[in-house]
Amino acid sequence: MSKKNVAQKLIESHLVSGKMIPGEEIGLKVDQTLTQDATGTMVMLELEAMKVKKVQTEISAQYVDHNLVQNDFKNADDHIFLQTSAAKFGIWFSPPGNGVSHPVHMERFGIPGKLLIGSDSHTCAAGSMGMLAMGSGGARSGSCDGGTSLLYQNASDHGG
């Protein structure tokens, strides 16, 4: 039996379908999701279309940290939509001025051993806390909020 690195152990602990064989598709249970305002409106619309009553993750968070400029009503309207949708679906809401999503999320919700996906490219920074943390598109994040597993092709083994 070969030794496993931290990433392999985290993947294995979240495995819900497939096998830990290089190149095979695997399904992972997502513990947390992080969405930022530039992608959040589409995520909320997706949850509505999926008829989700409440998110199926341990923690899902919606951050408003990208579209902060208020030249007209558009961003403010989006922020109201995100806040009311977050309340409807059981998502933690971080309003404008509360901080940047990835460090705020790590400070408030970072738990070693958990799987986090987020629609912010810096989501992977939570890996520094021992989380399995990956960036994804908003659609994938929303799908996981709704209870589907995260599907990936298992990485190939390059020795070691």
N, C-alpha and C. Protein backbone atom coordinates (compact mmCIF):
# COMPACT_ATOMS: atom_id res chain seq x y z
N MET A 1 0.85 -1.18 0.00
CA MET A 1 0.00 0.00 0.00
C MET A 1 0.89 1.24 0.00
N SER A 2 0.66 2.14 -0.93
CA SER A 2 1.49 3.34 -1.02
C SER A 2 1.00 4.42 -0.05
N LYS A 3 1.91 5.25 0.34
CA LYS A 3 1.56 6.37 1.22
C LYS A 3 0.78 7.40 0.42
N LYS A 4 -0.11 8.12 1.10
CA LYS A 4 -0.92 9.15 0.45
C LYS A 4 -0.50 10.52 0.94
N ASN A 5 -0.52 11.48 0.02
CA ASN A 5 -0.24 12.86 0.43
C ASN A 5 -1.53 13.48 0.99
N VAL A 6 -1.43 14.70 1.48
CA VAL A 6 -2.58 15.37 2.12
C VAL A 6 -3.74 15.52 1.13
N ALA A 7 -3.45 15.93 -0.10
CA ALA A 7 -4.52 16.12 -1.09
C ALA A 7 -5.24 14.80 -1.35
N GLN A 8 -4.51 13.72 -1.50
CA GLN A 8 -5.14 12.42 -1.74
C GLN A 8 -6.02 12.00 -0.57
N LYS A 9 -5.55 12.26 0.66
CA LYS A 9 -6.34 11.93 1.84
C LYS A 9 -7.63 12.76 1.89
N LEU A 10 -7.53 14.05 1.56
CA LEU A 10 -8.71 14.91 1.57
C LEU A 10 -9.70 14.48 0.48
N ILE A 11 -9.19 14.17 -0.69
CA ILE A 11 -10.07 13.71 -1.77
C ILE A 11 -10.76 12.42 -1.36
N GLU A 12 -10.00 11.49 -0.86
CA GLU A 12 -10.57 10.20 -0.46
C GLU A 12 -11.64 10.36 0.62
N SER A 13 -11.43 11.29 1.55
CA SER A 13 -12.40 11.48 2.63
C SER A 13 -13.70 12.12 2.15
N HIS A 14 -13.70 12.70 0.95
CA HIS A 14 -14.90 13.33 0.40
C HIS A 14 -15.48 12.56 -0.79
N LEU A 15 -14.91 11.42 -1.08
CA LEU A 15 -15.31 10.62 -2.24
C LEU A 15 -16.72 10.04 -2.06
N VAL A 16 -17.62 10.34 -2.98
CA VAL A 16 -18.98 9.78 -2.95
C VAL A 16 -19.26 8.90 -4.15
N SER A 17 -18.44 9.01 -5.20
CA SER A 17 -18.59 8.13 -6.35
C SER A 17 -17.25 8.01 -7.07
N GLY A 18 -17.08 6.90 -7.76
CA GLY A 18 -15.83 6.65 -8.47
C GLY A 18 -14.78 6.04 -7.56
N LYS A 19 -13.62 5.82 -8.13
CA LYS A 19 -12.52 5.22 -7.39
C LYS A 19 -11.28 6.07 -7.55
N MET A 20 -10.41 5.98 -6.57
CA MET A 20 -9.16 6.75 -6.56
C MET A 20 -8.16 6.12 -7.54
N ILE A 21 -8.56 6.12 -8.80
CA ILE A 21 -7.71 5.59 -9.86
C ILE A 21 -7.40 6.75 -10.80
N PRO A 22 -6.10 6.99 -11.08
CA PRO A 22 -5.74 8.10 -11.96
C PRO A 22 -6.51 8.07 -13.28
N GLY A 23 -7.08 9.23 -13.64
CA GLY A 23 -7.81 9.37 -14.90
C GLY A 23 -9.30 9.06 -14.80
N GLU A 24 -9.76 8.45 -13.70
CA GLU A 24 -11.17 8.11 -13.54
C GLU A 24 -11.95 9.31 -13.02
N GLU A 25 -13.23 9.40 -13.42
CA GLU A 25 -14.09 10.46 -12.89
C GLU A 25 -14.50 10.11 -11.47
N ILE A 26 -14.42 11.12 -10.61
CA ILE A 26 -14.81 10.94 -9.21
C ILE A 26 -15.82 12.02 -8.83
N GLY A 27 -16.66 11.70 -7.87
CA GLY A 27 -17.60 12.65 -7.30
C GLY A 27 -17.23 12.93 -5.87
N LEU A 28 -17.21 14.21 -5.51
CA LEU A 28 -16.80 14.63 -4.18
C LEU A 28 -17.93 15.37 -3.46
N LYS A 29 -18.06 15.11 -2.16
CA LYS A 29 -19.03 15.83 -1.34
C LYS A 29 -18.42 17.19 -0.98
N VAL A 30 -19.14 18.24 -1.28
CA VAL A 30 -18.69 19.60 -1.01
C VAL A 30 -19.23 20.05 0.35
N ASP A 31 -18.31 20.54 1.21
CA ASP A 31 -18.71 21.01 2.54
C ASP A 31 -19.10 22.49 2.53
N GLN A 32 -18.37 23.30 1.75
CA GLN A 32 -18.57 24.74 1.75
C GLN A 32 -18.49 25.29 0.33
N THR A 33 -19.26 26.35 0.09
CA THR A 33 -19.13 27.09 -1.17
C THR A 33 -18.97 28.58 -0.86
N LEU A 34 -18.29 29.23 -1.76
CA LEU A 34 -18.02 30.67 -1.66
C LEU A 34 -18.38 31.27 -3.02
N THR A 35 -19.22 32.28 -3.00
CA THR A 35 -19.61 32.96 -4.24
C THR A 35 -19.38 34.45 -4.06
N GLN A 36 -18.89 35.09 -5.11
CA GLN A 36 -18.71 36.54 -5.05
C GLN A 36 -19.76 37.19 -5.95
N ASP A 37 -19.91 38.50 -5.82
CA ASP A 37 -21.02 39.20 -6.45
C ASP A 37 -21.01 39.18 -7.97
N ALA A 38 -19.86 39.10 -8.60
CA ALA A 38 -19.82 39.10 -10.07
C ALA A 38 -20.43 37.81 -10.64
N THR A 39 -20.40 36.72 -9.87
CA THR A 39 -20.97 35.45 -10.33
C THR A 39 -22.22 35.06 -9.53
N GLY A 40 -22.43 35.72 -8.41
CA GLY A 40 -23.50 35.33 -7.49
C GLY A 40 -24.90 35.46 -8.04
N THR A 41 -25.17 36.47 -8.85
CA THR A 41 -26.54 36.62 -9.35
C THR A 41 -26.95 35.40 -10.18
N MET A 42 -26.04 34.89 -11.00
CA MET A 42 -26.37 33.70 -11.79
C MET A 42 -26.52 32.47 -10.91
N VAL A 43 -25.71 32.37 -9.85
CA VAL A 43 -25.84 31.25 -8.92
C VAL A 43 -27.22 31.28 -8.27
N MET A 44 -27.65 32.44 -7.82
CA MET A 44 -28.96 32.55 -7.17
C MET A 44 -30.10 32.21 -8.14
N LEU A 45 -29.96 32.65 -9.38
CA LEU A 45 -30.97 32.30 -10.39
C LEU A 45 -30.97 30.80 -10.66
N GLU A 46 -29.79 30.19 -10.64
CA GLU A 46 -29.70 28.74 -10.84
C GLU A 46 -30.38 27.99 -9.69
N LEU A 47 -30.15 28.44 -8.46
CA LEU A 47 -30.80 27.80 -7.31
C LEU A 47 -32.32 27.92 -7.43
N GLU A 48 -32.78 29.08 -7.87
CA GLU A 48 -34.22 29.27 -8.08
C GLU A 48 -34.74 28.30 -9.14
N ALA A 49 -34.03 28.18 -10.26
CA ALA A 49 -34.45 27.28 -11.35
C ALA A 49 -34.44 25.82 -10.90
N MET A 50 -33.51 25.47 -10.01
CA MET A 50 -33.42 24.10 -9.49
C MET A 50 -34.45 23.83 -8.40
N LYS A 51 -35.21 24.87 -8.04
CA LYS A 51 -36.23 24.78 -6.99
C LYS A 51 -35.62 24.34 -5.65
N VAL A 52 -34.44 24.87 -5.36
CA VAL A 52 -33.77 24.60 -4.09
C VAL A 52 -34.46 25.41 -3.00
N LYS A 53 -34.76 24.76 -1.90
CA LYS A 53 -35.37 25.45 -0.76
C LYS A 53 -34.29 26.02 0.16
N LYS A 54 -33.26 25.20 0.42
CA LYS A 54 -32.15 25.59 1.29
C LYS A 54 -30.90 24.87 0.78
N VAL A 55 -29.76 25.56 0.83
CA VAL A 55 -28.52 24.95 0.35
C VAL A 55 -28.22 23.67 1.14
N GLN A 56 -27.54 22.74 0.49
CA GLN A 56 -27.26 21.43 1.06
C GLN A 56 -25.83 21.31 1.59
N THR A 57 -25.12 22.40 1.66
CA THR A 57 -23.76 22.39 2.18
C THR A 57 -23.77 22.74 3.67
N GLU A 58 -22.64 22.51 4.33
CA GLU A 58 -22.53 22.92 5.73
C GLU A 58 -22.53 24.44 5.83
N ILE A 59 -21.80 25.08 4.92
CA ILE A 59 -21.71 26.54 4.87
C ILE A 59 -21.64 26.97 3.41
N SER A 60 -22.48 27.91 3.05
CA SER A 60 -22.36 28.60 1.77
C SER A 60 -22.36 30.09 2.07
N ALA A 61 -21.50 30.82 1.39
CA ALA A 61 -21.37 32.24 1.66
C ALA A 61 -21.38 33.04 0.36
N GLN A 62 -22.06 34.17 0.40
CA GLN A 62 -22.14 35.11 -0.72
C GLN A 62 -21.44 36.40 -0.29
N TYR A 63 -20.37 36.75 -1.01
CA TYR A 63 -19.60 37.95 -0.69
C TYR A 63 -19.85 39.02 -1.74
N VAL A 64 -19.97 40.26 -1.29
CA VAL A 64 -20.04 41.40 -2.19
C VAL A 64 -18.73 42.15 -2.04
N ASP A 65 -17.79 41.84 -2.96
CA ASP A 65 -16.46 42.43 -2.86
C ASP A 65 -15.84 42.77 -4.21
N HIS A 66 -16.59 42.62 -5.30
CA HIS A 66 -16.06 42.90 -6.62
C HIS A 66 -16.71 44.14 -7.26
N ASN A 67 -18.02 44.12 -7.35
CA ASN A 67 -18.77 45.21 -8.02
C ASN A 67 -19.25 46.22 -6.98
N LEU A 68 -18.35 47.06 -6.52
CA LEU A 68 -18.67 48.00 -5.45
C LEU A 68 -19.00 49.40 -5.92
N VAL A 69 -18.60 49.76 -7.11
CA VAL A 69 -18.81 51.12 -7.61
C VAL A 69 -20.31 51.35 -7.83
N GLN A 70 -20.80 52.49 -7.35
CA GLN A 70 -22.24 52.80 -7.42
C GLN A 70 -22.47 54.00 -8.34
N ASN A 71 -22.23 53.84 -9.64
CA ASN A 71 -22.47 54.92 -10.59
C ASN A 71 -23.94 55.04 -10.97
N ASP A 72 -24.67 53.96 -10.80
CA ASP A 72 -26.10 53.95 -11.12
C ASP A 72 -26.76 52.94 -10.18
N PHE A 73 -27.94 52.49 -10.53
CA PHE A 73 -28.71 51.59 -9.67
C PHE A 73 -28.35 50.12 -9.85
N LYS A 74 -27.61 49.75 -10.91
CA LYS A 74 -27.43 48.34 -11.26
C LYS A 74 -26.73 47.54 -10.17
N ASN A 75 -25.58 47.98 -9.70
CA ASN A 75 -24.87 47.21 -8.67
C ASN A 75 -25.68 47.17 -7.38
N ALA A 76 -26.27 48.30 -7.00
CA ALA A 76 -27.07 48.32 -5.77
C ALA A 76 -28.24 47.35 -5.86
N ASP A 77 -28.89 47.29 -7.02
CA ASP A 77 -29.99 46.35 -7.22
C ASP A 77 -29.50 44.91 -7.12
N ASP A 78 -28.35 44.64 -7.72
CA ASP A 78 -27.77 43.29 -7.62
C ASP A 78 -27.48 42.93 -6.17
N HIS A 79 -26.95 43.88 -5.41
CA HIS A 79 -26.62 43.61 -4.01
C HIS A 79 -27.87 43.29 -3.20
N ILE A 80 -28.96 44.01 -3.45
CA ILE A 80 -30.23 43.72 -2.77
C ILE A 80 -30.73 42.33 -3.16
N PHE A 81 -30.64 42.02 -4.45
CA PHE A 81 -31.05 40.69 -4.92
C PHE A 81 -30.22 39.60 -4.24
N LEU A 82 -28.90 39.80 -4.17
CA LEU A 82 -28.03 38.80 -3.54
C LEU A 82 -28.37 38.64 -2.05
N GLN A 83 -28.61 39.74 -1.37
CA GLN A 83 -28.91 39.67 0.06
C GLN A 83 -30.23 38.94 0.32
N THR A 84 -31.26 39.27 -0.43
CA THR A 84 -32.56 38.62 -0.22
C THR A 84 -32.52 37.15 -0.65
N SER A 85 -31.80 36.86 -1.72
CA SER A 85 -31.67 35.47 -2.16
C SER A 85 -30.87 34.65 -1.16
N ALA A 86 -29.80 35.23 -0.64
CA ALA A 86 -29.00 34.53 0.37
C ALA A 86 -29.87 34.16 1.58
N ALA A 87 -30.68 35.09 2.03
CA ALA A 87 -31.57 34.82 3.16
C ALA A 87 -32.55 33.70 2.82
N LYS A 88 -33.07 33.73 1.62
CA LYS A 88 -34.04 32.71 1.18
C LYS A 88 -33.43 31.32 1.17
N PHE A 89 -32.19 31.19 0.71
CA PHE A 89 -31.57 29.87 0.54
C PHE A 89 -30.70 29.44 1.71
N GLY A 90 -30.60 30.25 2.76
CA GLY A 90 -29.79 29.88 3.91
C GLY A 90 -28.30 30.08 3.69
N ILE A 91 -27.95 31.11 2.94
CA ILE A 91 -26.57 31.41 2.61
C ILE A 91 -26.11 32.61 3.44
N TRP A 92 -24.92 32.50 4.02
CA TRP A 92 -24.36 33.61 4.80
C TRP A 92 -24.03 34.74 3.83
N PHE A 93 -24.44 35.97 4.16
CA PHE A 93 -24.25 37.13 3.28
C PHE A 93 -23.24 38.09 3.89
N SER A 94 -22.24 38.44 3.09
CA SER A 94 -21.23 39.42 3.50
C SER A 94 -21.42 40.68 2.66
N PRO A 95 -21.86 41.78 3.27
CA PRO A 95 -22.20 42.99 2.50
C PRO A 95 -20.97 43.75 2.01
N PRO A 96 -21.19 44.72 1.13
CA PRO A 96 -20.08 45.56 0.67
C PRO A 96 -19.37 46.19 1.86
N GLY A 97 -18.04 46.22 1.79
CA GLY A 97 -17.25 46.82 2.85
C GLY A 97 -16.85 45.86 3.96
N ASN A 98 -17.34 44.63 3.90
CA ASN A 98 -17.03 43.65 4.93
C ASN A 98 -15.68 42.97 4.72
N GLY A 99 -15.11 43.13 3.54
CA GLY A 99 -13.81 42.53 3.27
C GLY A 99 -13.82 41.67 2.02
N VAL A 100 -12.64 41.25 1.63
CA VAL A 100 -12.44 40.44 0.42
C VAL A 100 -12.79 38.98 0.74
N SER A 101 -13.50 38.34 -0.18
CA SER A 101 -14.09 37.02 0.07
C SER A 101 -13.13 35.97 0.61
N HIS A 102 -12.01 35.74 -0.06
CA HIS A 102 -11.18 34.60 0.33
C HIS A 102 -10.55 34.75 1.71
N PRO A 103 -9.97 35.89 2.09
CA PRO A 103 -9.45 35.96 3.46
C PRO A 103 -10.55 36.00 4.52
N VAL A 104 -11.67 36.65 4.23
CA VAL A 104 -12.77 36.69 5.19
C VAL A 104 -13.30 35.27 5.40
N HIS A 105 -13.45 34.53 4.32
CA HIS A 105 -13.95 33.16 4.43
C HIS A 105 -13.00 32.29 5.26
N MET A 106 -11.71 32.43 5.01
CA MET A 106 -10.73 31.64 5.78
C MET A 106 -10.80 32.00 7.26
N GLU A 107 -10.92 33.29 7.56
CA GLU A 107 -10.97 33.73 8.96
C GLU A 107 -12.22 33.24 9.67
N ARG A 108 -13.36 33.29 8.99
CA ARG A 108 -14.63 32.94 9.63
C ARG A 108 -14.96 31.45 9.57
N PHE A 109 -14.65 30.82 8.45
CA PHE A 109 -15.15 29.47 8.19
C PHE A 109 -14.09 28.43 7.87
N GLY A 110 -12.83 28.82 7.82
CA GLY A 110 -11.77 27.88 7.47
C GLY A 110 -11.66 26.74 8.48
N ILE A 111 -11.81 25.51 8.00
CA ILE A 111 -11.72 24.33 8.85
C ILE A 111 -10.86 23.30 8.13
N PRO A 112 -9.71 22.94 8.70
CA PRO A 112 -8.88 21.93 8.05
C PRO A 112 -9.67 20.65 7.79
N GLY A 113 -9.44 20.07 6.61
CA GLY A 113 -10.10 18.83 6.25
C GLY A 113 -11.39 19.00 5.49
N LYS A 114 -11.91 20.21 5.39
CA LYS A 114 -13.16 20.46 4.65
C LYS A 114 -12.88 20.72 3.19
N LEU A 115 -13.89 20.50 2.34
CA LEU A 115 -13.78 20.77 0.91
C LEU A 115 -14.56 22.04 0.59
N LEU A 116 -13.87 23.02 0.04
CA LEU A 116 -14.44 24.32 -0.33
C LEU A 116 -14.29 24.52 -1.82
N ILE A 117 -15.37 24.88 -2.49
CA ILE A 117 -15.24 25.38 -3.86
C ILE A 117 -15.82 26.78 -3.89
N GLY A 118 -15.26 27.60 -4.76
CA GLY A 118 -15.72 28.97 -4.83
C GLY A 118 -15.59 29.55 -6.21
N SER A 119 -16.43 30.51 -6.49
CA SER A 119 -16.41 31.18 -7.79
C SER A 119 -15.48 32.38 -7.78
N ASP A 120 -14.49 32.35 -6.91
CA ASP A 120 -13.45 33.36 -6.89
C ASP A 120 -12.13 32.65 -7.15
N SER A 121 -11.31 33.22 -8.02
CA SER A 121 -10.07 32.56 -8.42
C SER A 121 -9.08 32.37 -7.28
N HIS A 122 -9.27 33.08 -6.17
CA HIS A 122 -8.36 32.96 -5.04
C HIS A 122 -8.86 31.97 -3.98
N THR A 123 -9.94 31.25 -4.28
CA THR A 123 -10.50 30.29 -3.33
C THR A 123 -9.44 29.29 -2.87
N CYS A 124 -8.56 28.89 -3.78
CA CYS A 124 -7.55 27.88 -3.46
C CYS A 124 -6.62 28.32 -2.33
N ALA A 125 -6.62 29.60 -1.97
CA ALA A 125 -5.78 30.07 -0.86
C ALA A 125 -6.15 29.37 0.44
N ALA A 126 -7.38 28.89 0.56
CA ALA A 126 -7.80 28.18 1.77
C ALA A 126 -7.08 26.85 1.92
N GLY A 127 -6.42 26.40 0.87
CA GLY A 127 -5.59 25.20 0.98
C GLY A 127 -4.47 25.39 2.00
N SER A 128 -4.07 26.63 2.23
CA SER A 128 -3.02 26.91 3.21
C SER A 128 -3.47 26.58 4.63
N MET A 129 -4.77 26.39 4.81
CA MET A 129 -5.31 26.04 6.13
C MET A 129 -5.61 24.55 6.24
N GLY A 130 -5.21 23.79 5.23
CA GLY A 130 -5.47 22.35 5.25
C GLY A 130 -6.82 21.98 4.69
N MET A 131 -7.45 22.90 3.96
CA MET A 131 -8.71 22.59 3.28
C MET A 131 -8.39 22.11 1.87
N LEU A 132 -9.27 21.31 1.29
CA LEU A 132 -9.21 21.01 -0.13
C LEU A 132 -10.04 22.11 -0.77
N ALA A 133 -9.38 23.10 -1.36
CA ALA A 133 -10.06 24.31 -1.82
C ALA A 133 -9.76 24.55 -3.29
N MET A 134 -10.82 24.71 -4.08
CA MET A 134 -10.69 24.86 -5.52
C MET A 134 -11.60 25.97 -6.04
N GLY A 135 -11.10 26.68 -7.02
CA GLY A 135 -11.93 27.64 -7.73
C GLY A 135 -12.78 26.91 -8.75
N SER A 136 -13.95 27.44 -9.01
CA SER A 136 -14.84 26.84 -10.01
C SER A 136 -15.71 27.94 -10.59
N GLY A 137 -16.45 27.61 -11.57
CA GLY A 137 -17.41 28.56 -12.11
C GLY A 137 -18.62 28.66 -11.20
N GLY A 138 -19.39 29.71 -11.41
CA GLY A 138 -20.59 29.91 -10.60
C GLY A 138 -21.60 28.79 -10.76
N ALA A 139 -21.74 28.26 -11.98
CA ALA A 139 -22.71 27.19 -12.22
C ALA A 139 -22.36 25.94 -11.42
N ARG A 140 -21.08 25.61 -11.37
CA ARG A 140 -20.66 24.43 -10.60
C ARG A 140 -20.88 24.67 -9.11
N SER A 141 -20.56 25.85 -8.65
CA SER A 141 -20.77 26.19 -7.25
C SER A 141 -22.25 26.11 -6.89
N GLY A 142 -23.09 26.67 -7.73
CA GLY A 142 -24.54 26.63 -7.50
C GLY A 142 -25.09 25.22 -7.50
N SER A 143 -24.59 24.40 -8.40
CA SER A 143 -25.02 23.01 -8.46
C SER A 143 -24.68 22.28 -7.16
N CYS A 144 -23.49 22.54 -6.62
CA CYS A 144 -23.09 21.92 -5.35
C CYS A 144 -23.92 22.48 -4.19
N ASP A 145 -24.26 23.77 -4.24
CA ASP A 145 -25.17 24.34 -3.24
C ASP A 145 -26.47 23.56 -3.22
N GLY A 146 -26.91 23.14 -4.40
CA GLY A 146 -28.16 22.41 -4.53
C GLY A 146 -28.08 20.95 -4.14
N GLY A 147 -26.87 20.46 -3.83
CA GLY A 147 -26.74 19.10 -3.34
C GLY A 147 -26.07 18.11 -4.27
N THR A 148 -25.67 18.53 -5.45
CA THR A 148 -24.98 17.58 -6.33
C THR A 148 -23.51 17.49 -5.93
N SER A 149 -22.91 16.34 -6.23
CA SER A 149 -21.50 16.18 -5.92
C SER A 149 -20.66 16.90 -6.97
N LEU A 150 -19.44 17.18 -6.61
CA LEU A 150 -18.49 17.84 -7.49
C LEU A 150 -17.79 16.77 -8.30
N LEU A 151 -17.95 16.81 -9.61
CA LEU A 151 -17.35 15.79 -10.48
C LEU A 151 -16.04 16.30 -11.06
N TYR A 152 -15.02 15.48 -10.96
CA TYR A 152 -13.70 15.78 -11.51
C TYR A 152 -13.08 14.52 -12.05
N GLN A 153 -12.17 14.70 -12.98
CA GLN A 153 -11.35 13.57 -13.41
C GLN A 153 -10.17 13.49 -12.44
N ASN A 154 -10.02 12.32 -11.83
CA ASN A 154 -8.93 12.14 -10.87
C ASN A 154 -7.60 12.37 -11.56
N ALA A 155 -6.73 13.11 -10.91
CA ALA A 155 -5.43 13.43 -11.49
C ALA A 155 -4.63 12.17 -11.76
N SER A 156 -3.83 12.24 -12.80
CA SER A 156 -2.97 11.10 -13.10
C SER A 156 -1.79 11.09 -12.15
N ASP A 157 -1.26 9.93 -11.91
CA ASP A 157 -0.15 9.76 -10.99
C ASP A 157 1.16 9.98 -11.75
N HIS A 158 1.92 10.96 -11.31
CA HIS A 158 3.19 11.26 -11.97
C HIS A 158 4.35 10.80 -11.12
N GLY A 159 4.21 9.65 -10.53
CA GLY A 159 5.30 9.09 -9.72
C GLY A 159 5.24 9.57 -8.30
N GLY A 160 6.12 9.05 -7.50
CA GLY A 160 6.21 9.49 -6.11
C GLY A 160 5.69 8.52 -5.13
